[in-house]
C-alpha cells in the first residue's frame, strides 16, 4: 500500500518577520482565485532566508499557493487582502499549500 503524504508535503506554515520597506522576495500571480500562486522566489529576502534554514519538504517552492496569512490577529484570505498583508511590515504567518 502507498504511504499517506505527510502534512508538510501538502500544507504548512511559514512564520516571517518583514521589516519596514522590505519585500517578501516572491513573484506572485493572483489571477486564479482567493489565493496567491508563487511564480518566482528571489535570491534575497525573507522567503529565501526561510528556505535556507528549512528542511527540503518545508521549503517554499515555485508553484505553491499562499492560501491565507495571519497577521496582527487577523486572518486574510482574499487575494487582495493577501497582497496587502505582504506589503506591510511585522510578524506574519503564511499558510502554504502545495499544488498536488
Protein backbone atom coordinates (compact mmCIF):
# COMPACT_ATOMS: atom_id res chain seq x y z
CA UNK A 1 0.00 0.00 0.00
CA UNK A 2 1.10 3.55 -0.76
CA UNK A 3 2.05 5.71 2.20
CA UNK A 4 -0.08 8.71 3.09
CA UNK A 5 1.63 12.01 2.26
CA UNK A 6 2.92 13.89 5.29
CA UNK A 7 1.15 17.09 6.21
CA UNK A 8 4.22 19.16 5.34
CA UNK A 9 4.09 17.84 1.78
CA UNK A 10 0.53 19.11 1.38
CA UNK A 11 0.27 22.24 3.56
CA UNK A 12 2.47 24.03 6.07
CA UNK A 13 3.01 27.36 7.83
CA UNK A 14 5.81 29.86 7.33
CA UNK A 15 6.49 32.41 10.08
CA UNK A 16 8.03 35.61 8.68
CA UNK A 17 9.01 38.99 10.02
CA UNK A 18 9.02 41.74 7.41
CA UNK A 19 10.90 44.92 8.26
CA UNK A 20 9.51 48.26 7.11
CA UNK A 21 10.16 48.67 3.38
CA UNK A 22 11.32 45.05 2.97
CA UNK A 23 9.79 42.90 0.24
CA UNK A 24 8.90 39.26 0.88
CA UNK A 25 11.01 38.06 -2.06
CA UNK A 26 8.34 36.40 -4.19
CA UNK A 27 6.86 36.87 -7.64
CA UNK A 28 3.13 36.18 -7.30
CA UNK A 29 0.14 35.53 -9.55
CA UNK A 30 -3.26 36.42 -8.12
CA UNK A 31 -5.46 35.97 -11.17
CA UNK A 32 -6.52 32.45 -10.24
CA UNK A 33 -8.80 33.00 -7.24
CA UNK A 34 -8.68 33.56 -3.49
CA UNK A 35 -5.04 32.62 -3.11
CA UNK A 36 -1.67 33.67 -4.49
CA UNK A 37 0.41 31.36 -6.68
CA UNK A 38 4.17 31.61 -6.23
CA UNK A 39 5.77 32.15 -9.66
CA UNK A 40 9.27 33.22 -8.60
CA UNK A 41 11.40 33.03 -5.47
CA UNK A 42 14.04 35.76 -5.44
CA UNK A 43 17.59 35.13 -4.24
CA UNK A 44 17.20 37.59 -1.37
CA UNK A 45 14.52 38.45 1.14
CA UNK A 46 12.71 36.67 3.98
CA UNK A 47 11.46 33.70 1.91
CA UNK A 48 14.97 32.99 0.59
CA UNK A 49 16.28 33.16 4.17
CA UNK A 50 13.47 30.87 5.39
CA UNK A 51 14.25 28.32 2.66
CA UNK A 52 17.97 28.39 3.51
CA UNK A 53 17.24 27.14 7.06
CA UNK A 54 14.30 24.81 6.29
CA UNK A 55 14.19 21.09 5.58
CA UNK A 56 13.54 20.21 1.91
CA UNK A 57 9.89 19.23 2.44
CA UNK A 58 9.16 22.57 4.16
CA UNK A 59 10.84 24.86 1.62
CA UNK A 60 8.59 27.26 -0.24
CA UNK A 61 8.60 26.27 -3.93
CA UNK A 62 7.56 27.80 -7.23
CA UNK A 63 4.00 26.58 -7.87
CA UNK A 64 2.99 26.62 -4.18
CA UNK A 65 -0.05 28.62 -3.12
CA UNK A 66 -0.40 31.14 -0.30
CA UNK A 67 -3.95 30.41 0.88
CA UNK A 68 -4.09 32.68 3.93
CA UNK A 69 -1.98 34.98 6.07
CA UNK A 70 -2.42 35.63 9.76
CA UNK A 71 -1.08 38.98 10.91
CA UNK A 72 -1.96 41.34 13.76
CA UNK A 73 -4.63 38.91 14.98
CA UNK A 74 -6.48 38.81 11.64
CA UNK A 75 -6.63 36.09 9.03
CA UNK A 76 -6.51 37.33 5.42
CA UNK A 77 -7.99 35.05 2.78
CA UNK A 78 -8.84 37.02 -0.37
CA UNK A 79 -6.10 37.62 -2.94
CA UNK A 80 -6.41 41.40 -2.39
CA UNK A 81 -6.01 41.00 1.38
CA UNK A 82 -3.07 38.63 0.91
CA UNK A 83 -1.26 41.13 -1.33
CA UNK A 84 -1.93 43.96 1.12
CA UNK A 85 -0.65 41.87 4.06
CA UNK A 86 2.60 41.13 2.21
CA UNK A 87 3.15 44.87 1.66
CA UNK A 88 3.01 45.56 5.42
CA UNK A 89 5.75 45.10 7.97
CA UNK A 90 5.69 42.98 11.09
CA UNK A 91 5.26 39.34 12.03
CA UNK A 92 3.01 37.19 9.87
CA UNK A 93 2.21 33.54 9.39
CA UNK A 94 1.75 32.37 5.80
CA UNK A 95 -0.28 29.22 5.17
CA UNK A 96 1.23 27.48 2.15
CA UNK A 97 -0.39 24.67 0.15
CA UNK A 98 1.31 22.50 -2.43
CA UNK A 99 -0.35 22.24 -5.87
CA UNK A 100 -0.65 18.44 -5.55
